[in-house]
Amino acid sequence: MKIHLYALSTCPYCRMTKRYLDEHGITYEITEVDLLDGDEKQAAVDEVKRLSGGTSFPVLVADNEVIVGFNKSKMAAVLGL
């Protein structure tokens, strides 16, 4: 399963999501959108909007499932925990 997390470095819910994934030994890629610059940042924001319909963070993509916000029960179900 390919897992990608779009997060903000200053977002407490993003940190909680990272901690949850780390505690469960889940391997994932992360894009901290606020640490990007220029076109790269705009492309990441556009991707978050496309995936989630807005600009709320965190956005966790596990294969074709998209989870917006820190939702332990949905993450557990999607990730098989």
C-alpha atoms as a PDB file:
ATOM      1  CA  MET A   1       0.000   0.000   0.000  1.00  0.00           C
ATOM      2  CA  LYS A   2       1.383   3.391  -0.978  1.00  0.00           C
ATOM      3  CA  ILE A   3       0.778   6.020   1.710  1.00  0.00           C
ATOM      4  CA  HIS A   4       1.364   9.741   1.337  1.00  0.00           C
ATOM      5  CA  LEU A   5       0.733  12.405   3.962  1.00  0.00           C
ATOM      6  CA  TYR A   6       0.223  16.051   3.083  1.00  0.00           C
ATOM      7  CA  ALA A   7       0.842  18.089   6.204  1.00  0.00           C
ATOM      8  CA  LEU A   8       1.848  21.446   7.623  1.00  0.00           C
ATOM      9  CA  SER A   9       4.898  21.608   9.857  1.00  0.00           C
ATOM     10  CA  THR A  10       3.012  23.744  12.414  1.00  0.00           C
ATOM     11  CA  CYS A  11      -0.262  21.772  12.470  1.00  0.00           C
ATOM     12  CA  PRO A  12      -0.941  19.841  15.707  1.00  0.00           C
ATOM     13  CA  TYR A  13      -3.289  17.387  13.935  1.00  0.00           C
ATOM     14  CA  CYS A  14      -0.597  16.732  11.339  1.00  0.00           C
ATOM     15  CA  ARG A  15       1.880  15.945  14.128  1.00  0.00           C
ATOM     16  CA  MET A  16      -0.685  13.622  15.732  1.00  0.00           C
ATOM     17  CA  THR A  17      -1.159  11.820  12.417  1.00  0.00           C
ATOM     18  CA  LYS A  18       2.605  11.420  11.931  1.00  0.00           C
ATOM     19  CA  ARG A  19       2.955  10.112  15.496  1.00  0.00           C
ATOM     20  CA  TYR A  20       0.090   7.640  14.954  1.00  0.00           C
ATOM     21  CA  LEU A  21       1.656   6.298  11.750  1.00  0.00           C
ATOM     22  CA  ASP A  22       5.107   6.094  13.350  1.00  0.00           C
ATOM     23  CA  GLU A  23       3.789   4.303  16.459  1.00  0.00           C
ATOM     24  CA  HIS A  24       2.189   1.664  14.221  1.00  0.00           C
ATOM     25  CA  GLY A  25       5.279   1.207  12.075  1.00  0.00           C
ATOM     26  CA  ILE A  26       3.573   2.489   8.938  1.00  0.00           C
ATOM     27  CA  THR A  27       5.928   3.537   6.135  1.00  0.00           C
ATOM     28  CA  TYR A  28       4.788   6.701   4.373  1.00  0.00           C
ATOM     29  CA  GLU A  29       5.953   9.612   2.275  1.00  0.00           C
ATOM     30  CA  ILE A  30       5.313  13.109   3.565  1.00  0.00           C
ATOM     31  CA  THR A  31       4.993  16.500   1.948  1.00  0.00           C
ATOM     32  CA  GLU A  32       5.110  19.384   4.411  1.00  0.00           C
ATOM     33  CA  VAL A  33       3.382  21.900   2.180  1.00  0.00           C
ATOM     34  CA  ASP A  34       4.266  25.031   4.164  1.00  0.00           C
ATOM     35  CA  LEU A  35       7.998  24.264   3.818  1.00  0.00           C
ATOM     36  CA  LEU A  36       7.847  24.241   0.007  1.00  0.00           C
ATOM     37  CA  ASP A  37       8.468  27.264  -2.211  1.00  0.00           C
ATOM     38  CA  GLY A  38       7.027  28.708  -5.388  1.00  0.00           C
ATOM     39  CA  ASP A  39       5.678  26.351  -8.026  1.00  0.00           C
ATOM     40  CA  GLU A  40       6.366  23.288  -5.887  1.00  0.00           C
ATOM     41  CA  LYS A  41       4.209  24.700  -3.072  1.00  0.00           C
ATOM     42  CA  GLN A  42       1.425  25.673  -5.455  1.00  0.00           C
ATOM     43  CA  ALA A  43       1.454  22.208  -7.036  1.00  0.00           C
ATOM     44  CA  ALA A  44       1.145  20.584  -3.592  1.00  0.00           C
ATOM     45  CA  VAL A  45      -1.742  22.900  -2.614  1.00  0.00           C
ATOM     46  CA  ASP A  46      -3.480  22.129  -5.919  1.00  0.00           C
ATOM     47  CA  GLU A  47      -3.048  18.383  -5.281  1.00  0.00           C
ATOM     48  CA  VAL A  48      -4.505  18.698  -1.759  1.00  0.00           C
ATOM     49  CA  LYS A  49      -7.503  20.596  -3.184  1.00  0.00           C
ATOM     50  CA  ARG A  50      -7.982  17.939  -5.866  1.00  0.00           C
ATOM     51  CA  LEU A  51      -7.803  15.085  -3.371  1.00  0.00           C
ATOM     52  CA  SER A  52      -9.824  16.561  -0.530  1.00  0.00           C
ATOM     53  CA  GLY A  53     -11.982  19.277  -2.060  1.00  0.00           C
ATOM     54  CA  GLY A  54     -10.413  21.915   0.188  1.00  0.00           C
ATOM     55  CA  THR A  55      -7.284  22.966   1.994  1.00  0.00           C
ATOM     56  CA  SER A  56      -7.691  21.279   5.364  1.00  0.00           C
ATOM     57  CA  PHE A  57      -4.754  19.364   6.786  1.00  0.00           C
ATOM     58  CA  PRO A  58      -3.634  16.675   7.277  1.00  0.00           C
ATOM     59  CA  VAL A  59      -4.572  14.764   4.127  1.00  0.00           C
ATOM     60  CA  LEU A  60      -3.603  11.104   4.173  1.00  0.00           C
ATOM     61  CA  VAL A  61      -3.745   9.163   0.911  1.00  0.00           C
ATOM     62  CA  ALA A  62      -3.567   5.370   1.199  1.00  0.00           C
ATOM     63  CA  ASP A  63      -3.792   3.933  -2.308  1.00  0.00           C
ATOM     64  CA  ASN A  64      -7.156   5.374  -3.443  1.00  0.00           C
ATOM     65  CA  GLU A  65      -8.525   6.237   0.014  1.00  0.00           C
ATOM     66  CA  VAL A  66      -8.323   9.856   1.182  1.00  0.00           C
ATOM     67  CA  ILE A  67      -8.605  10.754   4.860  1.00  0.00           C
ATOM     68  CA  VAL A  68      -8.867  14.426   5.785  1.00  0.00           C
ATOM     69  CA  GLY A  69      -8.021  15.399   9.344  1.00  0.00           C
ATOM     70  CA  PHE A  70      -6.856  13.254  12.246  1.00  0.00           C
ATOM     71  CA  ASN A  71      -9.336  10.368  12.215  1.00  0.00           C
ATOM     72  CA  LYS A  72      -7.915   7.382  14.124  1.00  0.00           C
ATOM     73  CA  SER A  73     -10.810   5.036  13.442  1.00  0.00           C
ATOM     74  CA  LYS A  74     -10.789   5.667   9.694  1.00  0.00           C
ATOM     75  CA  MET A  75      -6.980   5.375   9.540  1.00  0.00           C
ATOM     76  CA  ALA A  76      -7.156   2.086  11.457  1.00  0.00           C
ATOM     77  CA  ALA A  77      -9.777   0.714   9.082  1.00  0.00           C
ATOM     78  CA  VAL A  78      -7.993   1.799   5.897  1.00  0.00           C
ATOM     79  CA  LEU A  79      -4.551   0.725   7.118  1.00  0.00           C
ATOM     80  CA  GLY A  80      -5.755  -2.570   8.592  1.00  0.00           C
ATOM     81  CA  LEU A  81      -4.745  -1.773  12.177  1.00  0.00           C
END
